[in-house]
Structure formats: C-alpha cells, structure tokens
Amino acid sequence: MNYLEHLKANWRVALHGLNDFAEHFLHGLLPCVKGDHTQPKKGG
C-alpha cells in the first residue's frame, strides 16, 4: 500500500467514525433515529 492509498484509507475510516458519531448524537437527542452500524469496506 503506497502513501496515497494509505491516506485515502485513513480518511475513509475517519469519515466513517464521524458518521457514527453523528448517528449516535442524533440517537441521543431523538431515540427514534436509528443507525445501521455498518463497518467500512476493506480494500476500497
């Protein structure tokens, strides 16, 4: 894995974490909002 592929993978994981945070935050405010709890795909 070269540098750019690694950087792209890191950003994908970071954005997935940010999305999880947003879903859990909304669920805390409005319990009727549910997330799907998926994992990011490996290998792009």
PDB file of N, CA and C in Angstrom:
ATOM      1  N   MET A   1       0.868  -1.171   0.000  1.00  0.00           N
ATOM      2  CA  MET A   1       0.000   0.000   0.000  1.00  0.00           C
ATOM      3  C   MET A   1       0.913   1.232   0.000  1.00  0.00           C
ATOM      4  N   ASN A   2       0.744   2.066  -1.009  1.00  0.00           N
ATOM      5  CA  ASN A   2       1.563   3.269  -1.054  1.00  0.00           C
ATOM      6  C   ASN A   2       0.953   4.376  -0.188  1.00  0.00           C
ATOM      7  N   TYR A   3       1.652   5.486  -0.132  1.00  0.00           N
ATOM      8  CA  TYR A   3       1.244   6.576   0.763  1.00  0.00           C
ATOM      9  C   TYR A   3      -0.164   7.082   0.448  1.00  0.00           C
ATOM     10  N   LEU A   4      -0.475   7.315  -0.824  1.00  0.00           N
ATOM     11  CA  LEU A   4      -1.793   7.867  -1.172  1.00  0.00           C
ATOM     12  C   LEU A   4      -2.924   6.885  -0.878  1.00  0.00           C
ATOM     13  N   GLU A   5      -2.683   5.606  -1.106  1.00  0.00           N
ATOM     14  CA  GLU A   5      -3.705   4.602  -0.771  1.00  0.00           C
ATOM     15  C   GLU A   5      -3.941   4.574   0.735  1.00  0.00           C
ATOM     16  N   HIS A   6      -2.861   4.660   1.499  1.00  0.00           N
ATOM     17  CA  HIS A   6      -2.969   4.660   2.957  1.00  0.00           C
ATOM     18  C   HIS A   6      -3.700   5.909   3.444  1.00  0.00           C
ATOM     19  N   LEU A   7      -3.380   7.050   2.861  1.00  0.00           N
ATOM     20  CA  LEU A   7      -4.051   8.299   3.219  1.00  0.00           C
ATOM     21  C   LEU A   7      -5.543   8.228   2.909  1.00  0.00           C
ATOM     22  N   LYS A   8      -5.869   7.685   1.746  1.00  0.00           N
ATOM     23  CA  LYS A   8      -7.283   7.532   1.353  1.00  0.00           C
ATOM     24  C   LYS A   8      -8.016   6.608   2.333  1.00  0.00           C
ATOM     25  N   ALA A   9      -7.373   5.503   2.721  1.00  0.00           N
ATOM     26  CA  ALA A   9      -7.984   4.571   3.673  1.00  0.00           C
ATOM     27  C   ALA A   9      -8.182   5.244   5.029  1.00  0.00           C
ATOM     28  N   ASN A  10      -7.205   6.031   5.476  1.00  0.00           N
ATOM     29  CA  ASN A  10      -7.341   6.736   6.752  1.00  0.00           C
ATOM     30  C   ASN A  10      -8.502   7.713   6.720  1.00  0.00           C
ATOM     31  N   TRP A  11      -8.661   8.454   5.634  1.00  0.00           N
ATOM     32  CA  TRP A  11      -9.777   9.401   5.523  1.00  0.00           C
ATOM     33  C   TRP A  11     -11.115   8.676   5.506  1.00  0.00           C
ATOM     34  N   ARG A  12     -11.152   7.512   4.849  1.00  0.00           N
ATOM     35  CA  ARG A  12     -12.399   6.742   4.806  1.00  0.00           C
ATOM     36  C   ARG A  12     -12.790   6.297   6.215  1.00  0.00           C
ATOM     37  N   VAL A  13     -11.830   5.820   7.000  1.00  0.00           N
ATOM     38  CA  VAL A  13     -12.100   5.401   8.375  1.00  0.00           C
ATOM     39  C   VAL A  13     -12.506   6.593   9.235  1.00  0.00           C
ATOM     40  N   ALA A  14     -11.818   7.734   9.054  1.00  0.00           N
ATOM     41  CA  ALA A  14     -12.147   8.933   9.830  1.00  0.00           C
ATOM     42  C   ALA A  14     -13.560   9.414   9.516  1.00  0.00           C
ATOM     43  N   LEU A  15     -13.939   9.414   8.251  1.00  0.00           N
ATOM     44  CA  LEU A  15     -15.295   9.846   7.885  1.00  0.00           C
ATOM     45  C   LEU A  15     -16.345   8.871   8.398  1.00  0.00           C
ATOM     46  N   HIS A  16     -16.016   7.580   8.402  1.00  0.00           N
ATOM     47  CA  HIS A  16     -16.947   6.599   8.952  1.00  0.00           C
ATOM     48  C   HIS A  16     -17.156   6.853  10.452  1.00  0.00           C
ATOM     49  N   GLY A  17     -16.060   7.159  11.156  1.00  0.00           N
ATOM     50  CA  GLY A  17     -16.162   7.469  12.579  1.00  0.00           C
ATOM     51  C   GLY A  17     -16.981   8.722  12.830  1.00  0.00           C
ATOM     52  N   LEU A  18     -16.799   9.732  11.987  1.00  0.00           N
ATOM     53  CA  LEU A  18     -17.577  10.963  12.112  1.00  0.00           C
ATOM     54  C   LEU A  18     -19.060  10.687  11.866  1.00  0.00           C
ATOM     55  N   ASN A  19     -19.347   9.846  10.896  1.00  0.00           N
ATOM     56  CA  ASN A  19     -20.734   9.480  10.617  1.00  0.00           C
ATOM     57  C   ASN A  19     -21.340   8.726  11.800  1.00  0.00           C
ATOM     58  N   ASP A  20     -20.574   7.789  12.380  1.00  0.00           N
ATOM     59  CA  ASP A  20     -21.053   7.060  13.563  1.00  0.00           C
ATOM     60  C   ASP A  20     -21.339   8.028  14.715  1.00  0.00           C
ATOM     61  N   PHE A  21     -20.435   8.990  14.916  1.00  0.00           N
ATOM     62  CA  PHE A  21     -20.641   9.984  15.971  1.00  0.00           C
ATOM     63  C   PHE A  21     -21.943  10.745  15.739  1.00  0.00           C
ATOM     64  N   ALA A  22     -22.174  11.199  14.509  1.00  0.00           N
ATOM     65  CA  ALA A  22     -23.385  11.965  14.198  1.00  0.00           C
ATOM     66  C   ALA A  22     -24.643  11.124  14.449  1.00  0.00           C
ATOM     67  N   GLU A  23     -24.603   9.856  14.032  1.00  0.00           N
ATOM     68  CA  GLU A  23     -25.762   8.986  14.252  1.00  0.00           C
ATOM     69  C   GLU A  23     -26.023   8.769  15.739  1.00  0.00           C
ATOM     70  N   HIS A  24     -24.970   8.536  16.521  1.00  0.00           N
ATOM     71  CA  HIS A  24     -25.160   8.326  17.957  1.00  0.00           C
ATOM     72  C   HIS A  24     -25.604   9.613  18.652  1.00  0.00           C
ATOM     73  N   PHE A  25     -25.107  10.746  18.210  1.00  0.00           N
ATOM     74  CA  PHE A  25     -25.519  12.024  18.772  1.00  0.00           C
ATOM     75  C   PHE A  25     -27.011  12.264  18.514  1.00  0.00           C
ATOM     76  N   LEU A  26     -27.441  12.045  17.267  1.00  0.00           N
ATOM     77  CA  LEU A  26     -28.863  12.207  16.945  1.00  0.00           C
ATOM     78  C   LEU A  26     -29.725  11.206  17.707  1.00  0.00           C
ATOM     79  N   HIS A  27     -29.231   9.983  17.848  1.00  0.00           N
ATOM     80  CA  HIS A  27     -29.989   8.966  18.581  1.00  0.00           C
ATOM     81  C   HIS A  27     -30.130   9.365  20.054  1.00  0.00           C
ATOM     82  N   GLY A  28     -29.117  10.029  20.602  1.00  0.00           N
ATOM     83  CA  GLY A  28     -29.206  10.500  21.978  1.00  0.00           C
ATOM     84  C   GLY A  28     -30.246  11.599  22.136  1.00  0.00           C
ATOM     85  N   LEU A  29     -30.377  12.446  21.117  1.00  0.00           N
ATOM     86  CA  LEU A  29     -31.367  13.523  21.172  1.00  0.00           C
ATOM     87  C   LEU A  29     -32.764  13.035  20.813  1.00  0.00           C
ATOM     88  N   LEU A  30     -32.834  12.186  19.804  1.00  0.00           N
ATOM     89  CA  LEU A  30     -34.107  11.666  19.309  1.00  0.00           C
ATOM     90  C   LEU A  30     -34.006  10.143  19.207  1.00  0.00           C
ATOM     91  N   PRO A  31     -34.431   9.429  20.227  1.00  0.00           N
ATOM     92  CA  PRO A  31     -34.265   7.970  20.222  1.00  0.00           C
ATOM     93  C   PRO A  31     -34.934   7.259  19.049  1.00  0.00           C
ATOM     94  N   CYS A  32     -35.839   7.915  18.347  1.00  0.00           N
ATOM     95  CA  CYS A  32     -36.477   7.259  17.205  1.00  0.00           C
ATOM     96  C   CYS A  32     -35.535   7.193  16.003  1.00  0.00           C
ATOM     97  N   VAL A  33     -34.433   7.967  16.009  1.00  0.00           N
ATOM     98  CA  VAL A  33     -33.452   7.921  14.919  1.00  0.00           C
ATOM     99  C   VAL A  33     -32.507   6.760  15.184  1.00  0.00           C
ATOM    100  N   LYS A  34     -32.473   5.804  14.260  1.00  0.00           N
ATOM    101  CA  LYS A  34     -31.628   4.621  14.431  1.00  0.00           C
ATOM    102  C   LYS A  34     -30.542   4.607  13.361  1.00  0.00           C
ATOM    103  N   GLY A  35     -29.359   4.113  13.727  1.00  0.00           N
ATOM    104  CA  GLY A  35     -28.264   3.937  12.776  1.00  0.00           C
ATOM    105  C   GLY A  35     -28.200   2.503  12.311  1.00  0.00           C
ATOM    106  N   ASP A  36     -27.430   2.252  11.253  1.00  0.00           N
ATOM    107  CA  ASP A  36     -27.347   0.890  10.734  1.00  0.00           C
ATOM    108  C   ASP A  36     -26.123   0.132  11.227  1.00  0.00           C
ATOM    109  N   HIS A  37     -25.160   0.802  11.864  1.00  0.00           N
ATOM    110  CA  HIS A  37     -23.978   0.178  12.460  1.00  0.00           C
ATOM    111  C   HIS A  37     -23.223  -0.702  11.466  1.00  0.00           C
ATOM    112  N   THR A  38     -22.937  -0.176  10.289  1.00  0.00           N
ATOM    113  CA  THR A  38     -22.159  -0.928   9.307  1.00  0.00           C
ATOM    114  C   THR A  38     -20.675  -0.636   9.500  1.00  0.00           C
ATOM    115  N   GLN A  39     -19.847  -1.516   9.002  1.00  0.00           N
ATOM    116  CA  GLN A  39     -18.402  -1.338   9.036  1.00  0.00           C
ATOM    117  C   GLN A  39     -17.934  -0.869   7.658  1.00  0.00           C
ATOM    118  N   PRO A  40     -16.868  -0.051   7.623  1.00  0.00           N
ATOM    119  CA  PRO A  40     -16.359   0.383   6.321  1.00  0.00           C
ATOM    120  C   PRO A  40     -15.815  -0.822   5.532  1.00  0.00           C
ATOM    121  N   LYS A  41     -15.945  -0.760   4.205  1.00  0.00           N
ATOM    122  CA  LYS A  41     -15.453  -1.836   3.359  1.00  0.00           C
ATOM    123  C   LYS A  41     -13.933  -1.800   3.313  1.00  0.00           C
ATOM    124  N   LYS A  42     -13.325  -2.968   3.319  1.00  0.00           N
ATOM    125  CA  LYS A  42     -11.858  -3.056   3.247  1.00  0.00           C
ATOM    126  C   LYS A  42     -11.428  -3.085   1.790  1.00  0.00           C
ATOM    127  N   GLY A  43     -10.328  -2.442   1.510  1.00  0.00           N
ATOM    128  CA  GLY A  43      -9.748  -2.504   0.176  1.00  0.00           C
ATOM    129  C   GLY A  43     -10.288  -1.507  -0.813  1.00  0.00           C
ATOM    130  N   GLY A  44     -11.224  -0.672  -0.422  1.00  0.00           N
ATOM    131  CA  GLY A  44     -11.687   0.404  -1.263  1.00  0.00           C
ATOM    132  C   GLY A  44     -12.668   0.020  -2.284  1.00  0.00           C
TER     133      GLY A  44
END
